[in-house]
Amino acid sequence: VAARAVKQIIDRFCGGSVEQLLVG
């Protein structure tokens, strides 16, 4: 459930970029 929630955040705020999330 946590992984899906993080995926939603990545898609919503980082344009789907995990790298952008990690850099942030």
mmCIF file of all heavy atoms, coordinates in Angstrom:
data_MODEL
# 
_entry.id   MODEL 
# 
loop_
_atom_site.group_PDB 
_atom_site.id 
_atom_site.type_symbol 
_atom_site.label_atom_id 
_atom_site.label_alt_id 
_atom_site.label_comp_id 
_atom_site.label_asym_id 
_atom_site.label_entity_id 
_atom_site.label_seq_id 
_atom_site.pdbx_PDB_ins_code 
_atom_site.Cartn_x 
_atom_site.Cartn_y 
_atom_site.Cartn_z 
_atom_site.occupancy 
_atom_site.B_iso_or_equiv 
_atom_site.pdbx_formal_charge 
_atom_site.auth_seq_id 
_atom_site.auth_comp_id 
_atom_site.auth_asym_id 
_atom_site.auth_atom_id 
_atom_site.pdbx_PDB_model_num 
ATOM 1   N N   . VAL A 1 1  ? 0.844  -1.193 0.000   1.00 0.00 ? 1  VAL A N   1 
ATOM 2   C CA  . VAL A 1 1  ? 0.000  0.000  0.000   1.00 0.00 ? 1  VAL A CA  1 
ATOM 3   C C   . VAL A 1 1  ? 0.882  1.247  0.000   1.00 0.00 ? 1  VAL A C   1 
ATOM 4   O O   . VAL A 1 1  ? 0.629  2.199  -0.740  1.00 0.00 ? 1  VAL A O   1 
ATOM 5   C CB  . VAL A 1 1  ? -0.964 -0.012 1.209   1.00 0.00 ? 1  VAL A CB  1 
ATOM 6   C CG1 . VAL A 1 1  ? -1.745 1.283  1.304   1.00 0.00 ? 1  VAL A CG1 1 
ATOM 7   C CG2 . VAL A 1 1  ? -1.910 -1.214 1.107   1.00 0.00 ? 1  VAL A CG2 1 
ATOM 8   N N   . ALA A 1 2  ? 1.946  1.227  0.791   1.00 0.00 ? 2  ALA A N   1 
ATOM 9   C CA  . ALA A 1 2  ? 2.871  2.365  0.843   1.00 0.00 ? 2  ALA A CA  1 
ATOM 10  C C   . ALA A 1 2  ? 3.540  2.585  -0.508  1.00 0.00 ? 2  ALA A C   1 
ATOM 11  O O   . ALA A 1 2  ? 3.665  3.722  -0.971  1.00 0.00 ? 2  ALA A O   1 
ATOM 12  C CB  . ALA A 1 2  ? 3.921  2.142  1.925   1.00 0.00 ? 2  ALA A CB  1 
ATOM 13  N N   . ALA A 1 3  ? 3.954  1.501  -1.161  1.00 0.00 ? 3  ALA A N   1 
ATOM 14  C CA  . ALA A 1 3  ? 4.621  1.624  -2.466  1.00 0.00 ? 3  ALA A CA  1 
ATOM 15  C C   . ALA A 1 3  ? 3.682  2.251  -3.497  1.00 0.00 ? 3  ALA A C   1 
ATOM 16  O O   . ALA A 1 3  ? 4.106  3.099  -4.290  1.00 0.00 ? 3  ALA A O   1 
ATOM 17  C CB  . ALA A 1 3  ? 5.104  0.255  -2.944  1.00 0.00 ? 3  ALA A CB  1 
ATOM 18  N N   . ARG A 1 4  ? 2.413  1.850  -3.480  1.00 0.00 ? 4  ARG A N   1 
ATOM 19  C CA  . ARG A 1 4  ? 1.460  2.442  -4.427  1.00 0.00 ? 4  ARG A CA  1 
ATOM 20  C C   . ARG A 1 4  ? 1.228  3.919  -4.129  1.00 0.00 ? 4  ARG A C   1 
ATOM 21  O O   . ARG A 1 4  ? 1.090  4.735  -5.032  1.00 0.00 ? 4  ARG A O   1 
ATOM 22  C CB  . ARG A 1 4  ? 0.135  1.677  -4.413  1.00 0.00 ? 4  ARG A CB  1 
ATOM 23  C CG  . ARG A 1 4  ? 0.159  0.431  -5.249  1.00 0.00 ? 4  ARG A CG  1 
ATOM 24  C CD  . ARG A 1 4  ? -1.217 -0.041 -5.675  1.00 0.00 ? 4  ARG A CD  1 
ATOM 25  N NE  . ARG A 1 4  ? -2.248 0.051  -4.663  1.00 0.00 ? 4  ARG A NE  1 
ATOM 26  C CZ  . ARG A 1 4  ? -2.483 -0.863 -3.730  1.00 0.00 ? 4  ARG A CZ  1 
ATOM 27  N NH1 . ARG A 1 4  ? -1.751 -1.952 -3.668  1.00 0.00 ? 4  ARG A NH1 1 
ATOM 28  N NH2 . ARG A 1 4  ? -3.455 -0.683 -2.855  1.00 0.00 ? 4  ARG A NH2 1 
ATOM 29  N N   . ALA A 1 5  ? 1.196  4.266  -2.841  1.00 0.00 ? 5  ALA A N   1 
ATOM 30  C CA  . ALA A 1 5  ? 1.012  5.664  -2.463  1.00 0.00 ? 5  ALA A CA  1 
ATOM 31  C C   . ALA A 1 5  ? 2.189  6.510  -2.954  1.00 0.00 ? 5  ALA A C   1 
ATOM 32  O O   . ALA A 1 5  ? 2.004  7.614  -3.482  1.00 0.00 ? 5  ALA A O   1 
ATOM 33  C CB  . ALA A 1 5  ? 0.843  5.793  -0.949  1.00 0.00 ? 5  ALA A CB  1 
ATOM 34  N N   . VAL A 1 6  ? 3.404  5.985  -2.804  1.00 0.00 ? 6  VAL A N   1 
ATOM 35  C CA  . VAL A 1 6  ? 4.595  6.702  -3.288  1.00 0.00 ? 6  VAL A CA  1 
ATOM 36  C C   . VAL A 1 6  ? 4.547  6.824  -4.806  1.00 0.00 ? 6  VAL A C   1 
ATOM 37  O O   . VAL A 1 6  ? 4.864  7.872  -5.368  1.00 0.00 ? 6  VAL A O   1 
ATOM 38  C CB  . VAL A 1 6  ? 5.891  6.007  -2.825  1.00 0.00 ? 6  VAL A CB  1 
ATOM 39  C CG1 . VAL A 1 6  ? 7.114  6.593  -3.497  1.00 0.00 ? 6  VAL A CG1 1 
ATOM 40  C CG2 . VAL A 1 6  ? 6.023  6.120  -1.304  1.00 0.00 ? 6  VAL A CG2 1 
ATOM 41  N N   . LYS A 1 7  ? 4.108  5.769  -5.483  1.00 0.00 ? 7  LYS A N   1 
ATOM 42  C CA  . LYS A 1 7  ? 3.989  5.819  -6.953  1.00 0.00 ? 7  LYS A CA  1 
ATOM 43  C C   . LYS A 1 7  ? 3.029  6.927  -7.370  1.00 0.00 ? 7  LYS A C   1 
ATOM 44  O O   . LYS A 1 7  ? 3.283  7.653  -8.332  1.00 0.00 ? 7  LYS A O   1 
ATOM 45  C CB  . LYS A 1 7  ? 3.513  4.461  -7.486  1.00 0.00 ? 7  LYS A CB  1 
ATOM 46  C CG  . LYS A 1 7  ? 3.133  4.472  -8.955  1.00 0.00 ? 7  LYS A CG  1 
ATOM 47  C CD  . LYS A 1 7  ? 4.103  3.729  -9.796  1.00 0.00 ? 7  LYS A CD  1 
ATOM 48  C CE  . LYS A 1 7  ? 3.681  3.586  -11.236 1.00 0.00 ? 7  LYS A CE  1 
ATOM 49  N NZ  . LYS A 1 7  ? 3.577  4.799  -12.000 1.00 0.00 ? 7  LYS A NZ  1 
ATOM 50  N N   . GLN A 1 8  ? 1.933  7.071  -6.642  1.00 0.00 ? 8  GLN A N   1 
ATOM 51  C CA  . GLN A 1 8  ? 0.985  8.153  -6.945  1.00 0.00 ? 8  GLN A CA  1 
ATOM 52  C C   . GLN A 1 8  ? 1.647  9.521  -6.782  1.00 0.00 ? 8  GLN A C   1 
ATOM 53  O O   . GLN A 1 8  ? 1.445  10.413 -7.597  1.00 0.00 ? 8  GLN A O   1 
ATOM 54  C CB  . GLN A 1 8  ? -0.230 8.086  -6.017  1.00 0.00 ? 8  GLN A CB  1 
ATOM 55  C CG  . GLN A 1 8  ? -1.222 7.042  -6.406  1.00 0.00 ? 8  GLN A CG  1 
ATOM 56  C CD  . GLN A 1 8  ? -2.446 7.099  -5.512  1.00 0.00 ? 8  GLN A CD  1 
ATOM 57  O OE1 . GLN A 1 8  ? -2.332 7.214  -4.282  1.00 0.00 ? 8  GLN A OE1 1 
ATOM 58  N NE2 . GLN A 1 8  ? -3.606 7.006  -6.108  1.00 0.00 ? 8  GLN A NE2 1 
ATOM 59  N N   . ILE A 1 9  ? 2.456  9.671  -5.732  1.00 0.00 ? 9  ILE A N   1 
ATOM 60  C CA  . ILE A 1 9  ? 3.159  10.935 -5.511  1.00 0.00 ? 9  ILE A CA  1 
ATOM 61  C C   . ILE A 1 9  ? 4.132  11.195 -6.646  1.00 0.00 ? 9  ILE A C   1 
ATOM 62  O O   . ILE A 1 9  ? 4.220  12.307 -7.167  1.00 0.00 ? 9  ILE A O   1 
ATOM 63  C CB  . ILE A 1 9  ? 3.886  10.919 -4.144  1.00 0.00 ? 9  ILE A CB  1 
ATOM 64  C CG1 . ILE A 1 9  ? 2.856  10.949 -3.017  1.00 0.00 ? 9  ILE A CG1 1 
ATOM 65  C CG2 . ILE A 1 9  ? 4.873  12.081 -4.020  1.00 0.00 ? 9  ILE A CG2 1 
ATOM 66  C CD1 . ILE A 1 9  ? 3.421  10.670 -1.641  1.00 0.00 ? 9  ILE A CD1 1 
ATOM 67  N N   . ILE A 1 10 ? 4.876  10.166 -7.039  1.00 0.00 ? 10 ILE A N   1 
ATOM 68  C CA  . ILE A 1 10 ? 5.837  10.305 -8.134  1.00 0.00 ? 10 ILE A CA  1 
ATOM 69  C C   . ILE A 1 10 ? 5.120  10.712 -9.419  1.00 0.00 ? 10 ILE A C   1 
ATOM 70  O O   . ILE A 1 10 ? 5.552  11.636 -10.118 1.00 0.00 ? 10 ILE A O   1 
ATOM 71  C CB  . ILE A 1 10 ? 6.636  8.997  -8.332  1.00 0.00 ? 10 ILE A CB  1 
ATOM 72  C CG1 . ILE A 1 10 ? 7.565  8.764  -7.146  1.00 0.00 ? 10 ILE A CG1 1 
ATOM 73  C CG2 . ILE A 1 10 ? 7.427  9.028  -9.637  1.00 0.00 ? 10 ILE A CG2 1 
ATOM 74  C CD1 . ILE A 1 10 ? 8.158  7.360  -7.099  1.00 0.00 ? 10 ILE A CD1 1 
ATOM 75  N N   . ASP A 1 11 ? 4.032  10.044 -9.726  1.00 0.00 ? 11 ASP A N   1 
ATOM 76  C CA  . ASP A 1 11 ? 3.280  10.363 -10.942 1.00 0.00 ? 11 ASP A CA  1 
ATOM 77  C C   . ASP A 1 11 ? 2.693  11.766 -10.879 1.00 0.00 ? 11 ASP A C   1 
ATOM 78  O O   . ASP A 1 11 ? 2.753  12.520 -11.853 1.00 0.00 ? 11 ASP A O   1 
ATOM 79  C CB  . ASP A 1 11 ? 2.155  9.346  -11.163 1.00 0.00 ? 11 ASP A CB  1 
ATOM 80  C CG  . ASP A 1 11 ? 2.667  7.969  -11.537 1.00 0.00 ? 11 ASP A CG  1 
ATOM 81  O OD1 . ASP A 1 11 ? 3.862  7.846  -11.907 1.00 0.00 ? 11 ASP A OD1 1 
ATOM 82  O OD2 . ASP A 1 11 ? 1.883  7.006  -11.448 1.00 0.00 ? 11 ASP A OD2 1 
ATOM 83  N N   . ARG A 1 12 ? 2.166  12.135 -9.741  1.00 0.00 ? 12 ARG A N   1 
ATOM 84  C CA  . ARG A 1 12 ? 1.462  13.410 -9.603  1.00 0.00 ? 12 ARG A CA  1 
ATOM 85  C C   . ARG A 1 12 ? 2.397  14.617 -9.538  1.00 0.00 ? 12 ARG A C   1 
ATOM 86  O O   . ARG A 1 12 ? 2.148  15.646 -10.147 1.00 0.00 ? 12 ARG A O   1 
ATOM 87  C CB  . ARG A 1 12 ? 0.605  13.352 -8.348  1.00 0.00 ? 12 ARG A CB  1 
ATOM 88  C CG  . ARG A 1 12 ? -0.326 14.493 -8.187  1.00 0.00 ? 12 ARG A CG  1 
ATOM 89  C CD  . ARG A 1 12 ? -1.274 14.222 -7.050  1.00 0.00 ? 12 ARG A CD  1 
ATOM 90  N NE  . ARG A 1 12 ? -2.218 15.298 -6.934  1.00 0.00 ? 12 ARG A NE  1 
ATOM 91  C CZ  . ARG A 1 12 ? -3.062 15.403 -5.945  1.00 0.00 ? 12 ARG A CZ  1 
ATOM 92  N NH1 . ARG A 1 12 ? -3.099 14.495 -5.009  1.00 0.00 ? 12 ARG A NH1 1 
ATOM 93  N NH2 . ARG A 1 12 ? -3.897 16.415 -5.884  1.00 0.00 ? 12 ARG A NH2 1 
ATOM 94  N N   . PHE A 1 13 ? 3.486  14.488 -8.774  1.00 0.00 ? 13 PHE A N   1 
ATOM 95  C CA  . PHE A 1 13 ? 4.337  15.650 -8.524  1.00 0.00 ? 13 PHE A CA  1 
ATOM 96  C C   . PHE A 1 13 ? 5.675  15.635 -9.258  1.00 0.00 ? 13 PHE A C   1 
ATOM 97  O O   . PHE A 1 13 ? 6.332  16.665 -9.344  1.00 0.00 ? 13 PHE A O   1 
ATOM 98  C CB  . PHE A 1 13 ? 4.603  15.803 -7.018  1.00 0.00 ? 13 PHE A CB  1 
ATOM 99  C CG  . PHE A 1 13 ? 3.365  16.092 -6.229  1.00 0.00 ? 13 PHE A CG  1 
ATOM 100 C CD1 . PHE A 1 13 ? 2.781  15.107 -5.448  1.00 0.00 ? 13 PHE A CD1 1 
ATOM 101 C CD2 . PHE A 1 13 ? 2.771  17.339 -6.269  1.00 0.00 ? 13 PHE A CD2 1 
ATOM 102 C CE1 . PHE A 1 13 ? 1.633  15.362 -4.715  1.00 0.00 ? 13 PHE A CE1 1 
ATOM 103 C CE2 . PHE A 1 13 ? 1.617  17.603 -5.540  1.00 0.00 ? 13 PHE A CE2 1 
ATOM 104 C CZ  . PHE A 1 13 ? 1.041  16.611 -4.761  1.00 0.00 ? 13 PHE A CZ  1 
ATOM 105 N N   . CYS A 1 14 ? 6.081  14.472 -9.748  1.00 0.00 ? 14 CYS A N   1 
ATOM 106 C CA  . CYS A 1 14 ? 7.409  14.363 -10.361 1.00 0.00 ? 14 CYS A CA  1 
ATOM 107 C C   . CYS A 1 14 ? 7.338  13.878 -11.811 1.00 0.00 ? 14 CYS A C   1 
ATOM 108 O O   . CYS A 1 14 ? 8.349  13.428 -12.356 1.00 0.00 ? 14 CYS A O   1 
ATOM 109 C CB  . CYS A 1 14 ? 8.287  13.415 -9.539  1.00 0.00 ? 14 CYS A CB  1 
ATOM 110 S SG  . CYS A 1 14 ? 8.484  13.929 -7.822  1.00 0.00 ? 14 CYS A SG  1 
ATOM 111 N N   . GLY A 1 15 ? 6.171  13.930 -12.391 1.00 0.00 ? 15 GLY A N   1 
ATOM 112 C CA  . GLY A 1 15 ? 6.023  13.512 -13.784 1.00 0.00 ? 15 GLY A CA  1 
ATOM 113 C C   . GLY A 1 15 ? 6.434  12.068 -14.014 1.00 0.00 ? 15 GLY A C   1 
ATOM 114 O O   . GLY A 1 15 ? 6.894  11.723 -15.099 1.00 0.00 ? 15 GLY A O   1 
ATOM 115 N N   . GLY A 1 16 ? 6.307  11.234 -13.000 1.00 0.00 ? 16 GLY A N   1 
ATOM 116 C CA  . GLY A 1 16 ? 6.660  9.824  -13.130 1.00 0.00 ? 16 GLY A CA  1 
ATOM 117 C C   . GLY A 1 16 ? 8.140  9.522  -12.927 1.00 0.00 ? 16 GLY A C   1 
ATOM 118 O O   . GLY A 1 16 ? 8.562  8.387  -13.064 1.00 0.00 ? 16 GLY A O   1 
ATOM 119 N N   . SER A 1 17 ? 8.936  10.520 -12.582 1.00 0.00 ? 17 SER A N   1 
ATOM 120 C CA  . SER A 1 17 ? 10.378 10.345 -12.446 1.00 0.00 ? 17 SER A CA  1 
ATOM 121 C C   . SER A 1 17 ? 10.782 10.032 -11.002 1.00 0.00 ? 17 SER A C   1 
ATOM 122 O O   . SER A 1 17 ? 10.723 10.901 -10.120 1.00 0.00 ? 17 SER A O   1 
ATOM 123 C CB  . SER A 1 17 ? 11.107 11.612 -12.909 1.00 0.00 ? 17 SER A CB  1 
ATOM 124 O OG  . SER A 1 17 ? 12.476 11.549 -12.572 1.00 0.00 ? 17 SER A OG  1 
ATOM 125 N N   . VAL A 1 18 ? 11.224 8.794  -10.775 1.00 0.00 ? 18 VAL A N   1 
ATOM 126 C CA  . VAL A 1 18 ? 11.729 8.407  -9.459  1.00 0.00 ? 18 VAL A CA  1 
ATOM 127 C C   . VAL A 1 18 ? 12.981 9.218  -9.143  1.00 0.00 ? 18 VAL A C   1 
ATOM 128 O O   . VAL A 1 18 ? 13.194 9.646  -8.011  1.00 0.00 ? 18 VAL A O   1 
ATOM 129 C CB  . VAL A 1 18 ? 12.027 6.889  -9.415  1.00 0.00 ? 18 VAL A CB  1 
ATOM 130 C CG1 . VAL A 1 18 ? 12.687 6.503  -8.101  1.00 0.00 ? 18 VAL A CG1 1 
ATOM 131 C CG2 . VAL A 1 18 ? 10.753 6.090  -9.633  1.00 0.00 ? 18 VAL A CG2 1 
ATOM 132 N N   . GLU A 1 19 ? 13.814 9.429  -10.173 1.00 0.00 ? 19 GLU A N   1 
ATOM 133 C CA  . GLU A 1 19 ? 15.041 10.206 -9.982  1.00 0.00 ? 19 GLU A CA  1 
ATOM 134 C C   . GLU A 1 19 ? 14.720 11.601 -9.458  1.00 0.00 ? 19 GLU A C   1 
ATOM 135 O O   . GLU A 1 19 ? 15.368 12.088 -8.530  1.00 0.00 ? 19 GLU A O   1 
ATOM 136 C CB  . GLU A 1 19 ? 15.811 10.313 -11.307 1.00 0.00 ? 19 GLU A CB  1 
ATOM 137 C CG  . GLU A 1 19 ? 17.101 11.092 -11.174 1.00 0.00 ? 19 GLU A CG  1 
ATOM 138 C CD  . GLU A 1 19 ? 17.864 11.202 -12.491 1.00 0.00 ? 19 GLU A CD  1 
ATOM 139 O OE1 . GLU A 1 19 ? 17.482 10.538 -13.478 1.00 0.00 ? 19 GLU A OE1 1 
ATOM 140 O OE2 . GLU A 1 19 ? 18.836 11.964 -12.518 1.00 0.00 ? 19 GLU A OE2 1 
ATOM 141 N N   . GLN A 1 20 ? 13.703 12.238 -10.021 1.00 0.00 ? 20 GLN A N   1 
ATOM 142 C CA  . GLN A 1 20 ? 13.323 13.579 -9.587  1.00 0.00 ? 20 GLN A CA  1 
ATOM 143 C C   . GLN A 1 20 ? 12.880 13.563 -8.116  1.00 0.00 ? 20 GLN A C   1 
ATOM 144 O O   . GLN A 1 20 ? 13.233 14.450 -7.338  1.00 0.00 ? 20 GLN A O   1 
ATOM 145 C CB  . GLN A 1 20 ? 12.200 14.107 -10.476 1.00 0.00 ? 20 GLN A CB  1 
ATOM 146 C CG  . GLN A 1 20 ? 11.950 15.579 -10.341 1.00 0.00 ? 20 GLN A CG  1 
ATOM 147 C CD  . GLN A 1 20 ? 10.887 16.041 -11.319 1.00 0.00 ? 20 GLN A CD  1 
ATOM 148 O OE1 . GLN A 1 20 ? 9.725  15.687 -11.170 1.00 0.00 ? 20 GLN A OE1 1 
ATOM 149 N NE2 . GLN A 1 20 ? 11.296 16.823 -12.312 1.00 0.00 ? 20 GLN A NE2 1 
ATOM 150 N N   . LEU A 1 21 ? 12.159 12.533 -7.731  1.00 0.00 ? 21 LEU A N   1 
ATOM 151 C CA  . LEU A 1 21 ? 11.738 12.405 -6.334  1.00 0.00 ? 21 LEU A CA  1 
ATOM 152 C C   . LEU A 1 21 ? 12.948 12.253 -5.419  1.00 0.00 ? 21 LEU A C   1 
ATOM 153 O O   . LEU A 1 21 ? 13.060 12.935 -4.403  1.00 0.00 ? 21 LEU A O   1 
ATOM 154 C CB  . LEU A 1 21 ? 10.803 11.209 -6.148  1.00 0.00 ? 21 LEU A CB  1 
ATOM 155 C CG  . LEU A 1 21 ? 10.435 10.927 -4.688  1.00 0.00 ? 21 LEU A CG  1 
ATOM 156 C CD1 . LEU A 1 21 ? 9.428  11.939 -4.181  1.00 0.00 ? 21 LEU A CD1 1 
ATOM 157 C CD2 . LEU A 1 21 ? 9.925  9.517  -4.523  1.00 0.00 ? 21 LEU A CD2 1 
ATOM 158 N N   . LEU A 1 22 ? 13.870 11.363 -5.783  1.00 0.00 ? 22 LEU A N   1 
ATOM 159 C CA  . LEU A 1 22 ? 15.042 11.120 -4.937  1.00 0.00 ? 22 LEU A CA  1 
ATOM 160 C C   . LEU A 1 22 ? 15.930 12.354 -4.832  1.00 0.00 ? 22 LEU A C   1 
ATOM 161 O O   . LEU A 1 22 ? 16.441 12.669 -3.752  1.00 0.00 ? 22 LEU A O   1 
ATOM 162 C CB  . LEU A 1 22 ? 15.832 9.921  -5.456  1.00 0.00 ? 22 LEU A CB  1 
ATOM 163 C CG  . LEU A 1 22 ? 15.136 8.565  -5.293  1.00 0.00 ? 22 LEU A CG  1 
ATOM 164 C CD1 . LEU A 1 22 ? 15.934 7.472  -5.977  1.00 0.00 ? 22 LEU A CD1 1 
ATOM 165 C CD2 . LEU A 1 22 ? 14.901 8.245  -3.829  1.00 0.00 ? 22 LEU A CD2 1 
ATOM 166 N N   . VAL A 1 23 ? 16.112 13.055 -5.940  1.00 0.00 ? 23 VAL A N   1 
ATOM 167 C CA  . VAL A 1 23 ? 16.905 14.295 -5.906  1.00 0.00 ? 23 VAL A CA  1 
ATOM 168 C C   . VAL A 1 23 ? 16.247 15.302 -4.967  1.00 0.00 ? 23 VAL A C   1 
ATOM 169 O O   . VAL A 1 23 ? 16.916 15.945 -4.146  1.00 0.00 ? 23 VAL A O   1 
ATOM 170 C CB  . VAL A 1 23 ? 17.094 14.876 -7.329  1.00 0.00 ? 23 VAL A CB  1 
ATOM 171 C CG1 . VAL A 1 23 ? 17.650 16.292 -7.274  1.00 0.00 ? 23 VAL A CG1 1 
ATOM 172 C CG2 . VAL A 1 23 ? 18.003 13.980 -8.147  1.00 0.00 ? 23 VAL A CG2 1 
ATOM 173 N N   . GLY A 1 24 ? 14.931 15.412 -5.049  1.00 0.00 ? 24 GLY A N   1 
ATOM 174 C CA  . GLY A 1 24 ? 14.203 16.312 -4.151  1.00 0.00 ? 24 GLY A CA  1 
ATOM 175 C C   . GLY A 1 24 ? 14.360 15.907 -2.700  1.00 0.00 ? 24 GLY A C   1 
ATOM 176 O O   . GLY A 1 24 ? 14.487 16.754 -1.811  1.00 0.00 ? 24 GLY A O   1 
# 
